[in-house]
PDB file of N, CA and C in Angstrom:
ATOM      1  N   LEU A   1      -6.618  22.460 -11.515  1.00  0.00           N
ATOM      2  CA  LEU A   1      -6.584  21.532 -12.627  1.00  0.00           C
ATOM      3  C   LEU A   1      -5.182  21.432 -13.221  1.00  0.00           C
ATOM      4  N   LYS A   2      -4.491  22.548 -13.255  1.00  0.00           N
ATOM      5  CA  LYS A   2      -3.136  22.503 -13.794  1.00  0.00           C
ATOM      6  C   LYS A   2      -2.241  21.623 -12.935  1.00  0.00           C
ATOM      7  N   LYS A   3      -2.485  21.633 -11.616  1.00  0.00           N
ATOM      8  CA  LYS A   3      -1.691  20.808 -10.709  1.00  0.00           C
ATOM      9  C   LYS A   3      -1.885  19.324 -10.989  1.00  0.00           C
ATOM     10  N   GLN A   4      -3.043  18.967 -11.509  1.00  0.00           N
ATOM     11  CA  GLN A   4      -3.352  17.572 -11.794  1.00  0.00           C
ATOM     12  C   GLN A   4      -2.985  17.188 -13.223  1.00  0.00           C
ATOM     13  N   ASN A   5      -2.313  18.078 -13.932  1.00  0.00           N
ATOM     14  CA  ASN A   5      -1.891  17.850 -15.316  1.00  0.00           C
ATOM     15  C   ASN A   5      -3.061  17.519 -16.240  1.00  0.00           C
ATOM     16  N   VAL A   6      -4.189  18.194 -16.001  1.00  0.00           N
ATOM     17  CA  VAL A   6      -5.351  18.028 -16.865  1.00  0.00           C
ATOM     18  C   VAL A   6      -5.268  19.096 -17.948  1.00  0.00           C
ATOM     19  N   PRO A   7      -5.295  18.697 -19.210  1.00  0.00           N
ATOM     20  CA  PRO A   7      -5.239  19.707 -20.275  1.00  0.00           C
ATOM     21  C   PRO A   7      -6.517  20.546 -20.267  1.00  0.00           C
ATOM     22  N   LEU A   8      -6.345  21.848 -20.326  1.00  0.00           N
ATOM     23  CA  LEU A   8      -7.488  22.754 -20.296  1.00  0.00           C
ATOM     24  C   LEU A   8      -7.942  23.077 -21.711  1.00  0.00           C
ATOM     25  N   PRO A   9      -9.254  23.191 -21.918  1.00  0.00           N
ATOM     26  CA  PRO A   9      -9.738  23.564 -23.252  1.00  0.00           C
ATOM     27  C   PRO A   9      -9.316  24.994 -23.591  1.00  0.00           C
ATOM     28  N   ASN A  10      -9.281  25.290 -24.867  1.00  0.00           N
ATOM     29  CA  ASN A  10      -8.852  26.621 -25.307  1.00  0.00           C
ATOM     30  C   ASN A  10      -9.747  27.729 -24.780  1.00  0.00           C
ATOM     31  N   ASP A  11     -11.035  27.450 -24.607  1.00  0.00           N
ATOM     32  CA  ASP A  11     -11.963  28.481 -24.144  1.00  0.00           C
ATOM     33  C   ASP A  11     -12.178  28.453 -22.626  1.00  0.00           C
ATOM     34  N   PHE A  12     -11.255  27.828 -21.893  1.00  0.00           N
ATOM     35  CA  PHE A  12     -11.354  27.750 -20.440  1.00  0.00           C
ATOM     36  C   PHE A  12     -11.288  29.148 -19.841  1.00  0.00           C
ATOM     37  N   ASP A  13     -12.223  29.441 -18.939  1.00  0.00           N
ATOM     38  CA  ASP A  13     -12.300  30.745 -18.284  1.00  0.00           C
ATOM     39  C   ASP A  13     -11.931  30.580 -16.810  1.00  0.00           C
ATOM     40  N   PRO A  14     -10.694  30.903 -16.437  1.00  0.00           N
ATOM     41  CA  PRO A  14     -10.265  30.699 -15.050  1.00  0.00           C
ATOM     42  C   PRO A  14     -11.079  31.519 -14.048  1.00  0.00           C
ATOM     43  N   SER A  15     -11.525  32.708 -14.423  1.00  0.00           N
ATOM     44  CA  SER A  15     -12.300  33.519 -13.477  1.00  0.00           C
ATOM     45  C   SER A  15     -13.660  32.866 -13.196  1.00  0.00           C
ATOM     46  N   TRP A  16     -14.287  32.298 -14.233  1.00  0.00           N
ATOM     47  CA  TRP A  16     -15.546  31.583 -14.029  1.00  0.00           C
ATOM     48  C   TRP A  16     -15.327  30.378 -13.123  1.00  0.00           C
ATOM     49  N   PHE A  17     -14.239  29.650 -13.362  1.00  0.00           N
ATOM     50  CA  PHE A  17     -13.933  28.466 -12.568  1.00  0.00           C
ATOM     51  C   PHE A  17     -13.747  28.838 -11.101  1.00  0.00           C
ATOM     52  N   GLU A  18     -12.974  29.883 -10.843  1.00  0.00           N
ATOM     53  CA  GLU A  18     -12.723  30.309  -9.459  1.00  0.00           C
ATOM     54  C   GLU A  18     -14.008  30.779  -8.787  1.00  0.00           C
ATOM     55  N   LYS A  19     -14.831  31.531  -9.516  1.00  0.00           N
ATOM     56  CA  LYS A  19     -16.099  32.009  -8.966  1.00  0.00           C
ATOM     57  C   LYS A  19     -17.016  30.835  -8.637  1.00  0.00           C
ATOM     58  N   THR A  20     -17.103  29.876  -9.536  1.00  0.00           N
ATOM     59  CA  THR A  20     -17.942  28.698  -9.326  1.00  0.00           C
ATOM     60  C   THR A  20     -17.448  27.894  -8.130  1.00  0.00           C
ATOM     61  N   GLN A  21     -16.140  27.752  -8.020  1.00  0.00           N
ATOM     62  CA  GLN A  21     -15.562  27.008  -6.902  1.00  0.00           C
ATOM     63  C   GLN A  21     -15.824  27.723  -5.571  1.00  0.00           C
ATOM     64  N   ARG A  22     -15.711  29.046  -5.558  1.00  0.00           N
ATOM     65  CA  ARG A  22     -16.000  29.824  -4.344  1.00  0.00           C
ATOM     66  C   ARG A  22     -17.467  29.666  -3.942  1.00  0.00           C
ATOM     67  N   ASN A  23     -18.364  29.766  -4.928  1.00  0.00           N
ATOM     68  CA  ASN A  23     -19.797  29.612  -4.639  1.00  0.00           C
ATOM     69  C   ASN A  23     -20.107  28.223  -4.090  1.00  0.00           C
ATOM     70  N   TYR A  24     -19.469  27.202  -4.679  1.00  0.00           N
ATOM     71  CA  TYR A  24     -19.658  25.826  -4.216  1.00  0.00           C
ATOM     72  C   TYR A  24     -19.212  25.695  -2.761  1.00  0.00           C
ATOM     73  N   THR A  25     -18.036  26.210  -2.464  1.00  0.00           N
ATOM     74  CA  THR A  25     -17.490  26.112  -1.109  1.00  0.00           C
ATOM     75  C   THR A  25     -18.345  26.888  -0.118  1.00  0.00           C
ATOM     76  N   HIS A  26     -18.777  28.077  -0.512  1.00  0.00           N
ATOM     77  CA  HIS A  26     -19.605  28.902   0.369  1.00  0.00           C
ATOM     78  C   HIS A  26     -20.922  28.194   0.692  1.00  0.00           C
ATOM     79  N   LYS A  27     -21.573  27.649  -0.323  1.00  0.00           N
ATOM     80  CA  LYS A  27     -22.842  26.955  -0.103  1.00  0.00           C
ATOM     81  C   LYS A  27     -22.637  25.700   0.734  1.00  0.00           C
ATOM     82  N   LEU A  28     -21.544  24.977   0.491  1.00  0.00           N
ATOM     83  CA  LEU A  28     -21.243  23.777   1.269  1.00  0.00           C
ATOM     84  C   LEU A  28     -21.063  24.123   2.744  1.00  0.00           C
ATOM     85  N   GLU A  29     -20.330  25.188   3.024  1.00  0.00           N
ATOM     86  CA  GLU A  29     -20.120  25.617   4.413  1.00  0.00           C
ATOM     87  C   GLU A  29     -21.439  26.011   5.067  1.00  0.00           C
ATOM     88  N   LYS A  30     -22.298  26.708   4.325  1.00  0.00           N
ATOM     89  CA  LYS A  30     -23.597  27.120   4.861  1.00  0.00           C
ATOM     90  C   LYS A  30     -24.456  25.905   5.181  1.00  0.00           C
ATOM     91  N   LEU A  31     -24.542  24.963   4.245  1.00  0.00           N
ATOM     92  CA  LEU A  31     -25.351  23.767   4.464  1.00  0.00           C
ATOM     93  C   LEU A  31     -24.814  22.936   5.625  1.00  0.00           C
ATOM     94  N   ASP A  32     -23.498  22.834   5.725  1.00  0.00           N
ATOM     95  CA  ASP A  32     -22.871  22.088   6.816  1.00  0.00           C
ATOM     96  C   ASP A  32     -23.158  22.760   8.159  1.00  0.00           C
ATOM     97  N   ASN A  33     -23.076  24.075   8.188  1.00  0.00           N
ATOM     98  CA  ASN A  33     -23.369  24.826   9.410  1.00  0.00           C
ATOM     99  C   ASN A  33     -24.839  24.679   9.799  1.00  0.00           C
ATOM    100  N   ASP A  34     -25.735  24.757   8.816  1.00  0.00           N
ATOM    101  CA  ASP A  34     -27.164  24.562   9.088  1.00  0.00           C
ATOM    102  C   ASP A  34     -27.406  23.188   9.707  1.00  0.00           C
ATOM    103  N   LEU A  35     -26.779  22.160   9.148  1.00  0.00           N
ATOM    104  CA  LEU A  35     -26.957  20.802   9.663  1.00  0.00           C
ATOM    105  C   LEU A  35     -26.454  20.699  11.102  1.00  0.00           C
ATOM    106  N   ARG A  36     -25.321  21.324  11.392  1.00  0.00           N
ATOM    107  CA  ARG A  36     -24.804  21.325  12.767  1.00  0.00           C
ATOM    108  C   ARG A  36     -25.807  21.969  13.726  1.00  0.00           C
ATOM    109  N   ASN A  37     -26.402  23.076  13.298  1.00  0.00           N
ATOM    110  CA  ASN A  37     -27.404  23.747  14.137  1.00  0.00           C
ATOM    111  C   ASN A  37     -28.632  22.867  14.345  1.00  0.00           C
ATOM    112  N   PHE A  38     -29.065  22.179  13.300  1.00  0.00           N
ATOM    113  CA  PHE A  38     -30.213  21.283  13.429  1.00  0.00           C
ATOM    114  C   PHE A  38     -29.903  20.163  14.417  1.00  0.00           C
ATOM    115  N   ARG A  39     -28.693  19.639  14.358  1.00  0.00           N
ATOM    116  CA  ARG A  39     -28.306  18.572  15.289  1.00  0.00           C
ATOM    117  C   ARG A  39     -28.284  19.091  16.719  1.00  0.00           C
ATOM    118  N   THR A  40     -27.777  20.298  16.904  1.00  0.00           N
ATOM    119  CA  THR A  40     -27.724  20.894  18.237  1.00  0.00           C
ATOM    120  C   THR A  40     -29.125  21.027  18.818  1.00  0.00           C
ATOM    121  N   ASN A  41     -30.076  21.400  17.978  1.00  0.00           N
ATOM    122  CA  ASN A  41     -31.455  21.592  18.430  1.00  0.00           C
ATOM    123  C   ASN A  41     -32.269  20.300  18.418  1.00  0.00           C
ATOM    124  N   SER A  42     -31.683  19.216  17.933  1.00  0.00           N
ATOM    125  CA  SER A  42     -32.311  17.884  17.907  1.00  0.00           C
ATOM    126  C   SER A  42     -33.680  17.883  17.228  1.00  0.00           C
ATOM    127  N   ILE A  43     -33.767  18.554  16.092  1.00  0.00           N
ATOM    128  CA  ILE A  43     -35.013  18.574  15.333  1.00  0.00           C
ATOM    129  C   ILE A  43     -34.881  17.545  14.214  1.00  0.00           C
ATOM    130  N   LYS A  44     -35.555  16.392  14.414  1.00  0.00           N
ATOM    131  CA  LYS A  44     -35.375  15.256  13.496  1.00  0.00           C
ATOM    132  C   LYS A  44     -35.654  15.608  12.043  1.00  0.00           C
ATOM    133  N   ASP A  45     -36.791  16.263  11.789  1.00  0.00           N
ATOM    134  CA  ASP A  45     -37.154  16.551  10.404  1.00  0.00           C
ATOM    135  C   ASP A  45     -36.164  17.520   9.770  1.00  0.00           C
ATOM    136  N   SER A  46     -35.695  18.484  10.537  1.00  0.00           N
ATOM    137  CA  SER A  46     -34.711  19.437  10.009  1.00  0.00           C
ATOM    138  C   SER A  46     -33.380  18.751   9.729  1.00  0.00           C
ATOM    139  N   ILE A  47     -32.999  17.816  10.586  1.00  0.00           N
ATOM    140  CA  ILE A  47     -31.751  17.069  10.370  1.00  0.00           C
ATOM    141  C   ILE A  47     -31.863  16.257   9.080  1.00  0.00           C
ATOM    142  N   ARG A  48     -33.013  15.601   8.885  1.00  0.00           N
ATOM    143  CA  ARG A  48     -33.235  14.817   7.666  1.00  0.00           C
ATOM    144  C   ARG A  48     -33.139  15.705   6.428  1.00  0.00           C
ATOM    145  N   ARG A  49     -33.813  16.846   6.484  1.00  0.00           N
ATOM    146  CA  ARG A  49     -33.773  17.763   5.339  1.00  0.00           C
ATOM    147  C   ARG A  49     -32.373  18.335   5.135  1.00  0.00           C
ATOM    148  N   GLY A  50     -31.646  18.559   6.234  1.00  0.00           N
ATOM    149  CA  GLY A  50     -30.267  19.043   6.122  1.00  0.00           C
ATOM    150  C   GLY A  50     -29.379  18.054   5.388  1.00  0.00           C
ATOM    151  N   HIS A  51     -29.529  16.777   5.715  1.00  0.00           N
ATOM    152  CA  HIS A  51     -28.773  15.742   4.995  1.00  0.00           C
ATOM    153  C   HIS A  51     -29.181  15.700   3.525  1.00  0.00           C
ATOM    154  N   ASP A  52     -30.485  15.831   3.271  1.00  0.00           N
ATOM    155  CA  ASP A  52     -30.962  15.844   1.882  1.00  0.00           C
ATOM    156  C   ASP A  52     -30.384  17.033   1.114  1.00  0.00           C
ATOM    157  N   ASP A  53     -30.381  18.203   1.744  1.00  0.00           N
ATOM    158  CA  ASP A  53     -29.846  19.404   1.086  1.00  0.00           C
ATOM    159  C   ASP A  53     -28.365  19.244   0.766  1.00  0.00           C
ATOM    160  N   LEU A  54     -27.611  18.693   1.727  1.00  0.00           N
ATOM    161  CA  LEU A  54     -26.184  18.441   1.477  1.00  0.00           C
ATOM    162  C   LEU A  54     -26.012  17.433   0.345  1.00  0.00           C
ATOM    163  N   GLY A  55     -26.809  16.380   0.364  1.00  0.00           N
ATOM    164  CA  GLY A  55     -26.752  15.384  -0.704  1.00  0.00           C
ATOM    165  C   GLY A  55     -27.059  15.996  -2.060  1.00  0.00           C
ATOM    166  N   ASP A  56     -28.080  16.858  -2.105  1.00  0.00           N
ATOM    167  CA  ASP A  56     -28.428  17.534  -3.363  1.00  0.00           C
ATOM    168  C   ASP A  56     -27.279  18.405  -3.850  1.00  0.00           C
ATOM    169  N   HIS A  57     -26.627  19.087  -2.913  1.00  0.00           N
ATOM    170  CA  HIS A  57     -25.496  19.953  -3.279  1.00  0.00           C
ATOM    171  C   HIS A  57     -24.354  19.123  -3.877  1.00  0.00           C
ATOM    172  N   TYR A  58     -24.024  18.020  -3.214  1.00  0.00           N
ATOM    173  CA  TYR A  58     -22.973  17.145  -3.740  1.00  0.00           C
ATOM    174  C   TYR A  58     -23.374  16.563  -5.100  1.00  0.00           C
ATOM    175  N   LEU A  59     -24.637  16.178  -5.231  1.00  0.00           N
ATOM    176  CA  LEU A  59     -25.112  15.616  -6.496  1.00  0.00           C
ATOM    177  C   LEU A  59     -24.978  16.636  -7.622  1.00  0.00           C
ATOM    178  N   ASP A  60     -25.379  17.877  -7.350  1.00  0.00           N
ATOM    179  CA  ASP A  60     -25.267  18.936  -8.361  1.00  0.00           C
ATOM    180  C   ASP A  60     -23.821  19.169  -8.791  1.00  0.00           C
ATOM    181  N   ALA A  61     -22.886  18.936  -7.860  1.00  0.00           N
ATOM    182  CA  ALA A  61     -21.468  19.149  -8.154  1.00  0.00           C
ATOM    183  C   ALA A  61     -20.817  17.922  -8.787  1.00  0.00           C
ATOM    184  N   GLY A  62     -21.571  16.821  -8.897  1.00  0.00           N
ATOM    185  CA  GLY A  62     -21.009  15.611  -9.490  1.00  0.00           C
ATOM    186  C   GLY A  62     -20.258  14.736  -8.505  1.00  0.00           C
ATOM    187  N   ASP A  63     -20.374  15.044  -7.206  1.00  0.00           N
ATOM    188  CA  ASP A  63     -19.722  14.248  -6.166  1.00  0.00           C
ATOM    189  C   ASP A  63     -20.735  13.206  -5.682  1.00  0.00           C
ATOM    190  N   PHE A  64     -20.911  12.165  -6.476  1.00  0.00           N
ATOM    191  CA  PHE A  64     -21.967  11.193  -6.236  1.00  0.00           C
ATOM    192  C   PHE A  64     -21.731  10.365  -4.980  1.00  0.00           C
ATOM    193  N   PHE A  65     -20.470  10.069  -4.671  1.00  0.00           N
ATOM    194  CA  PHE A  65     -20.158   9.285  -3.474  1.00  0.00           C
ATOM    195  C   PHE A  65     -20.641  10.013  -2.225  1.00  0.00           C
ATOM    196  N   ASN A  66     -20.294  11.295  -2.087  1.00  0.00           N
ATOM    197  CA  ASN A  66     -20.727  12.055  -0.917  1.00  0.00           C
ATOM    198  C   ASN A  66     -22.229  12.297  -0.923  1.00  0.00           C
ATOM    199  N   ALA A  67     -22.826  12.400  -2.106  1.00  0.00           N
ATOM    200  CA  ALA A  67     -24.283  12.543  -2.185  1.00  0.00           C
ATOM    201  C   ALA A  67     -24.956  11.311  -1.588  1.00  0.00           C
ATOM    202  N   VAL A  68     -24.517  10.128  -1.994  1.00  0.00           N
ATOM    203  CA  VAL A  68     -25.088   8.890  -1.453  1.00  0.00           C
ATOM    204  C   VAL A  68     -24.884   8.841   0.054  1.00  0.00           C
ATOM    205  N   ARG A  69     -23.701   9.198   0.495  1.00  0.00           N
ATOM    206  CA  ARG A  69     -23.402   9.181   1.930  1.00  0.00           C
ATOM    207  C   ARG A  69     -24.383  10.061   2.708  1.00  0.00           C
ATOM    208  N   CYS A  70     -24.652  11.258   2.215  1.00  0.00           N
ATOM    209  CA  CYS A  70     -25.585  12.165   2.896  1.00  0.00           C
ATOM    210  C   CYS A  70     -27.012  11.630   2.862  1.00  0.00           C
ATOM    211  N   TYR A  71     -27.418  11.130   1.712  1.00  0.00           N
ATOM    212  CA  TYR A  71     -28.778  10.597   1.603  1.00  0.00           C
ATOM    213  C   TYR A  71     -28.979   9.416   2.550  1.00  0.00           C
ATOM    214  N   VAL A  72     -27.991   8.542   2.636  1.00  0.00           N
ATOM    215  CA  VAL A  72     -28.103   7.376   3.520  1.00  0.00           C
ATOM    216  C   VAL A  72     -28.149   7.825   4.983  1.00  0.00           C
ATOM    217  N   ARG A  73     -27.414   8.854   5.325  1.00  0.00           N
ATOM    218  CA  ARG A  73     -27.443   9.365   6.703  1.00  0.00           C
ATOM    219  C   ARG A  73     -28.816   9.910   7.079  1.00  0.00           C
ATOM    220  N   SER A  74     -29.574  10.359   6.104  1.00  0.00           N
ATOM    221  CA  SER A  74     -30.906  10.889   6.408  1.00  0.00           C
ATOM    222  C   SER A  74     -31.860   9.779   6.845  1.00  0.00           C
ATOM    223  N   ARG A  75     -31.497   8.545   6.573  1.00  0.00           N
ATOM    224  CA  ARG A  75     -32.376   7.407   6.884  1.00  0.00           C
ATOM    225  C   ARG A  75     -32.734   7.342   8.364  1.00  0.00           C
ATOM    226  N   ASP A  76     -31.791   7.638   9.229  1.00  0.00           N
ATOM    227  CA  ASP A  76     -32.050   7.578  10.671  1.00  0.00           C
ATOM    228  C   ASP A  76     -33.106   8.585  11.113  1.00  0.00           C
ATOM    229  N   TYR A  77     -33.399   9.558  10.290  1.00  0.00           N
ATOM    230  CA  TYR A  77     -34.326  10.626  10.654  1.00  0.00           C
ATOM    231  C   TYR A  77     -35.623  10.564   9.845  1.00  0.00           C
ATOM    232  N   CYS A  78     -35.820   9.482   9.115  1.00  0.00           N
ATOM    233  CA  CYS A  78     -37.062   9.283   8.361  1.00  0.00           C
ATOM    234  C   CYS A  78     -38.112   8.730   9.318  1.00  0.00           C
ATOM    235  N   VAL A  79     -39.201   9.460   9.491  1.00  0.00           N
ATOM    236  CA  VAL A  79     -40.225   9.025  10.442  1.00  0.00           C
ATOM    237  C   VAL A  79     -41.514   8.577   9.755  1.00  0.00           C
ATOM    238  N   THR A  80     -41.612   8.773   8.452  1.00  0.00           N
ATOM    239  CA  THR A  80     -42.802   8.330   7.721  1.00  0.00           C
ATOM    240  C   THR A  80     -42.364   7.514   6.504  1.00  0.00           C
ATOM    241  N   PRO A  81     -43.256   6.701   5.981  1.00  0.00           N
ATOM    242  CA  PRO A  81     -42.919   5.974   4.749  1.00  0.00           C
ATOM    243  C   PRO A  81     -42.567   6.915   3.592  1.00  0.00           C
ATOM    244  N   ARG A  82     -43.192   8.077   3.535  1.00  0.00           N
ATOM    245  CA  ARG A  82     -42.868   9.042   2.472  1.00  0.00           C
ATOM    246  C   ARG A  82     -41.418   9.513   2.575  1.00  0.00           C
ATOM    247  N   HIS A  83     -40.959   9.717   3.801  1.00  0.00           N
ATOM    248  CA  HIS A  83     -39.555  10.098   3.992  1.00  0.00           C
ATOM    249  C   HIS A  83     -38.638   8.991   3.491  1.00  0.00           C
ATOM    250  N   MET A  84     -38.989   7.742   3.806  1.00  0.00           N
ATOM    251  CA  MET A  84     -38.170   6.606   3.357  1.00  0.00           C
ATOM    252  C   MET A  84     -38.146   6.521   1.833  1.00  0.00           C
ATOM    253  N   ILE A  85     -39.296   6.754   1.210  1.00  0.00           N
ATOM    254  CA  ILE A  85     -39.363   6.698  -0.255  1.00  0.00           C
ATOM    255  C   ILE A  85     -38.477   7.780  -0.861  1.00  0.00           C
ATOM    256  N   THR A  86     -38.549   8.987  -0.308  1.00  0.00           N
ATOM    257  CA  THR A  86     -37.714  10.086  -0.801  1.00  0.00           C
ATOM    258  C   THR A  86     -36.238   9.755  -0.639  1.00  0.00           C
ATOM    259  N   MET A  87     -35.868   9.231   0.527  1.00  0.00           N
ATOM    260  CA  MET A  87     -34.470   8.863   0.775  1.00  0.00           C
ATOM    261  C   MET A  87     -34.019   7.802  -0.227  1.00  0.00           C
ATOM    262  N   CYS A  88     -34.846   6.785  -0.434  1.00  0.00           N
ATOM    263  CA  CYS A  88     -34.493   5.717  -1.377  1.00  0.00           C
ATOM    264  C   CYS A  88     -34.333   6.262  -2.793  1.00  0.00           C
ATOM    265  N   MET A  89     -35.244   7.117  -3.213  1.00  0.00           N
ATOM    266  CA  MET A  89     -35.167   7.679  -4.567  1.00  0.00           C
ATOM    267  C   MET A  89     -33.904   8.520  -4.742  1.00  0.00           C
ATOM    268  N   ASN A  90     -33.526   9.265  -3.705  1.00  0.00           N
ATOM    269  CA  ASN A  90     -32.289  10.052  -3.776  1.00  0.00           C
ATOM    270  C   ASN A  90     -31.065   9.149  -3.912  1.00  0.00           C
ATOM    271  N   VAL A  91     -31.023   8.081  -3.110  1.00  0.00           N
ATOM    272  CA  VAL A  91     -29.897   7.142  -3.185  1.00  0.00           C
ATOM    273  C   VAL A  91     -29.874   6.462  -4.554  1.00  0.00           C
ATOM    274  N   ILE A  92     -31.049   6.093  -5.054  1.00  0.00           N
ATOM    275  CA  ILE A  92     -31.134   5.449  -6.370  1.00  0.00           C
ATOM    276  C   ILE A  92     -30.580   6.374  -7.446  1.00  0.00           C
ATOM    277  N   LYS A  93     -30.979   7.644  -7.401  1.00  0.00           N
ATOM    278  CA  LYS A  93     -30.535   8.606  -8.420  1.00  0.00           C
ATOM    279  C   LYS A  93     -29.011   8.760  -8.403  1.00  0.00           C
ATOM    280  N   ALA A  94     -28.434   8.974  -7.220  1.00  0.00           N
ATOM    281  CA  ALA A  94     -26.982   9.151  -7.132  1.00  0.00           C
ATOM    282  C   ALA A  94     -26.249   7.860  -7.496  1.00  0.00           C
ATOM    283  N   SER A  95     -26.778   6.723  -7.065  1.00  0.00           N
ATOM    284  CA  SER A  95     -26.152   5.433  -7.383  1.00  0.00           C
ATOM    285  C   SER A  95     -26.218   5.144  -8.875  1.00  0.00           C
ATOM    286  N   PHE A  96     -27.296   5.576  -9.514  1.00  0.00           N
ATOM    287  CA  PHE A  96     -27.431   5.419 -10.960  1.00  0.00           C
ATOM    288  C   PHE A  96     -26.314   6.178 -11.673  1.00  0.00           C
ATOM    289  N   TYR A  97     -26.076   7.415 -11.258  1.00  0.00           N
ATOM    290  CA  TYR A  97     -25.005   8.201 -11.870  1.00  0.00           C
ATOM    291  C   TYR A  97     -23.640   7.547 -11.669  1.00  0.00           C
ATOM    292  N   MET A  98     -23.476   6.848 -10.526  1.00  0.00           N
ATOM    293  CA  MET A  98     -22.215   6.160 -10.243  1.00  0.00           C
ATOM    294  C   MET A  98     -22.138   4.805 -10.948  1.00  0.00           C
ATOM    295  N   GLN A  99     -23.241   4.398 -11.549  1.00  0.00           N
ATOM    296  CA  GLN A  99     -23.379   3.079 -12.164  1.00  0.00           C
ATOM    297  C   GLN A  99     -23.166   1.963 -11.142  1.00  0.00           C
ATOM    298  N   ASN A 100     -23.635   2.216  -9.922  1.00  0.00           N
ATOM    299  CA  ASN A 100     -23.564   1.238  -8.845  1.00  0.00           C
ATOM    300  C   ASN A 100     -24.896   0.485  -8.830  1.00  0.00           C
ATOM    301  N   TRP A 101     -24.996  -0.499  -9.712  1.00  0.00           N
ATOM    302  CA  TRP A 101     -26.270  -1.167  -9.951  1.00  0.00           C
ATOM    303  C   TRP A 101     -26.744  -1.974  -8.757  1.00  0.00           C
ATOM    304  N   SER A 102     -25.847  -2.544  -7.993  1.00  0.00           N
ATOM    305  CA  SER A 102     -26.282  -3.313  -6.820  1.00  0.00           C
ATOM    306  C   SER A 102     -26.936  -2.390  -5.795  1.00  0.00           C
ATOM    307  N   ASN A 103     -26.409  -1.190  -5.642  1.00  0.00           N
ATOM    308  CA  ASN A 103     -27.008  -0.217  -4.725  1.00  0.00           C
ATOM    309  C   ASN A 103     -28.373   0.234  -5.248  1.00  0.00           C
ATOM    310  N   VAL A 104     -28.466   0.435  -6.558  1.00  0.00           N
ATOM    311  CA  VAL A 104     -29.749   0.818  -7.163  1.00  0.00           C
ATOM    312  C   VAL A 104     -30.797  -0.246  -6.847  1.00  0.00           C
ATOM    313  N   LEU A 105     -30.466  -1.509  -7.108  1.00  0.00           N
ATOM    314  CA  LEU A 105     -31.424  -2.594  -6.875  1.00  0.00           C
ATOM    315  C   LEU A 105     -31.800  -2.713  -5.401  1.00  0.00           C
ATOM    316  N   SER A 106     -30.825  -2.562  -4.532  1.00  0.00           N
ATOM    317  CA  SER A 106     -31.080  -2.650  -3.099  1.00  0.00           C
ATOM    318  C   SER A 106     -32.071  -1.576  -2.645  1.00  0.00           C
ATOM    319  N   TYR A 107     -31.876  -0.357  -3.116  1.00  0.00           N
ATOM    320  CA  TYR A 107     -32.748   0.735  -2.682  1.00  0.00           C
ATOM    321  C   TYR A 107     -34.085   0.742  -3.415  1.00  0.00           C
ATOM    322  N   VAL A 108     -34.159   0.132  -4.582  1.00  0.00           N
ATOM    323  CA  VAL A 108     -35.460  -0.056  -5.236  1.00  0.00           C
ATOM    324  C   VAL A 108     -36.311  -0.975  -4.366  1.00  0.00           C
ATOM    325  N   THR A 109     -35.704  -2.043  -3.862  1.00  0.00           N
ATOM    326  CA  THR A 109     -36.416  -2.969  -2.982  1.00  0.00           C
ATOM    327  C   THR A 109     -36.890  -2.259  -1.719  1.00  0.00           C
ATOM    328  N   LYS A 110     -36.020  -1.439  -1.126  1.00  0.00           N
ATOM    329  CA  LYS A 110     -36.400  -0.699   0.087  1.00  0.00           C
ATOM    330  C   LYS A 110     -37.526   0.289  -0.207  1.00  0.00           C
ATOM    331  N   ALA A 111     -37.478   0.940  -1.362  1.00  0.00           N
ATOM    332  CA  ALA A 111     -38.540   1.882  -1.737  1.00  0.00           C
ATOM    333  C   ALA A 111     -39.860   1.139  -1.922  1.00  0.00           C
ATOM    334  N   GLU A 112     -39.805  -0.033  -2.549  1.00  0.00           N
ATOM    335  CA  GLU A 112     -41.024  -0.828  -2.739  1.00  0.00           C
ATOM    336  C   GLU A 112     -41.634  -1.217  -1.397  1.00  0.00           C
ATOM    337  N   GLN A 113     -40.780  -1.577  -0.432  1.00  0.00           N
ATOM    338  CA  GLN A 113     -41.271  -1.926   0.903  1.00  0.00           C
ATOM    339  C   GLN A 113     -41.915  -0.719   1.580  1.00  0.00           C
ATOM    340  N   ALA A 114     -41.320   0.451   1.399  1.00  0.00           N
ATOM    341  CA  ALA A 114     -41.887   1.669   1.983  1.00  0.00           C
ATOM    342  C   ALA A 114     -43.224   2.010   1.332  1.00  0.00           C
ATOM    343  N   ILE A 115     -43.330   1.783   0.024  1.00  0.00           N
ATOM    344  CA  ILE A 115     -44.594   2.033  -0.680  1.00  0.00           C
ATOM    345  C   ILE A 115     -45.674   1.086  -0.162  1.00  0.00           C
ATOM    346  N   GLU A 116     -45.316  -0.186   0.021  1.00  0.00           N
ATOM    347  CA  GLU A 116     -46.272  -1.152   0.568  1.00  0.00           C
ATOM    348  C   GLU A 116     -46.723  -0.732   1.960  1.00  0.00           C
ATOM    349  N   SER A 117     -45.789  -0.251   2.761  1.00  0.00           N
ATOM    350  CA  SER A 117     -46.114   0.222   4.105  1.00  0.00           C
ATOM    351  C   SER A 117     -47.048   1.425   4.046  1.00  0.00           C
ATOM    352  N   LEU A 118     -46.797   2.308   3.106  1.00  0.00           N
ATOM    353  CA  LEU A 118     -47.636   3.497   2.928  1.00  0.00           C
ATOM    354  C   LEU A 118     -49.044   3.095   2.495  1.00  0.00           C
ATOM    355  N   GLU A 119     -49.134   2.147   1.574  1.00  0.00           N
ATOM    356  CA  GLU A 119     -50.440   1.700   1.077  1.00  0.00           C
ATOM    357  C   GLU A 119     -51.238   0.970   2.148  1.00  0.00           C
ATOM    358  N   SER A 120     -50.561   0.265   3.036  1.00  0.00           N
ATOM    359  CA  SER A 120     -51.271  -0.485   4.079  1.00  0.00           C
ATOM    360  C   SER A 120     -51.814   0.435   5.174  1.00  0.00           C
ATOM    361  N   THR A 121     -51.266   1.641   5.284  1.00  0.00           N
ATOM    362  CA  THR A 121     -51.752   2.575   6.306  1.00  0.00           C
ATOM    363  C   THR A 121     -52.895   3.440   5.794  1.00  0.00           C
ATOM    364  N   THR A 122     -53.150   3.412   4.494  1.00  0.00           N
ATOM    365  CA  THR A 122     -54.239   4.248   3.954  1.00  0.00           C
ATOM    366  C   THR A 122     -55.450   3.440   3.602  1.00  0.00           C
TER     367      THR A 122
END
């Protein structure tokens, strides 16, 4: 943060910041490695969940762009309407935080279509 000339608050705790950053990086590496293993084994549902987990991690860190990217990548591995609805809701949530209203509206429409598909099969 100092390199970016961001003024730090008086109660800033550098040790907490470093620990949090290390934990973030460690978890990111683990999730990325898990996803690579899922791809190697070609397990569609695991790949979808791996993308969702990565998206959730980015979302928790406030990296909404990468969260949307991961959620959208899970789309290729959605095999049921419920998977599509979950993917759409994840994209909607991250897009909402980004205030990307056109993306929100687009994925609301896709979620509605998935719900209609789900209702027609039951």
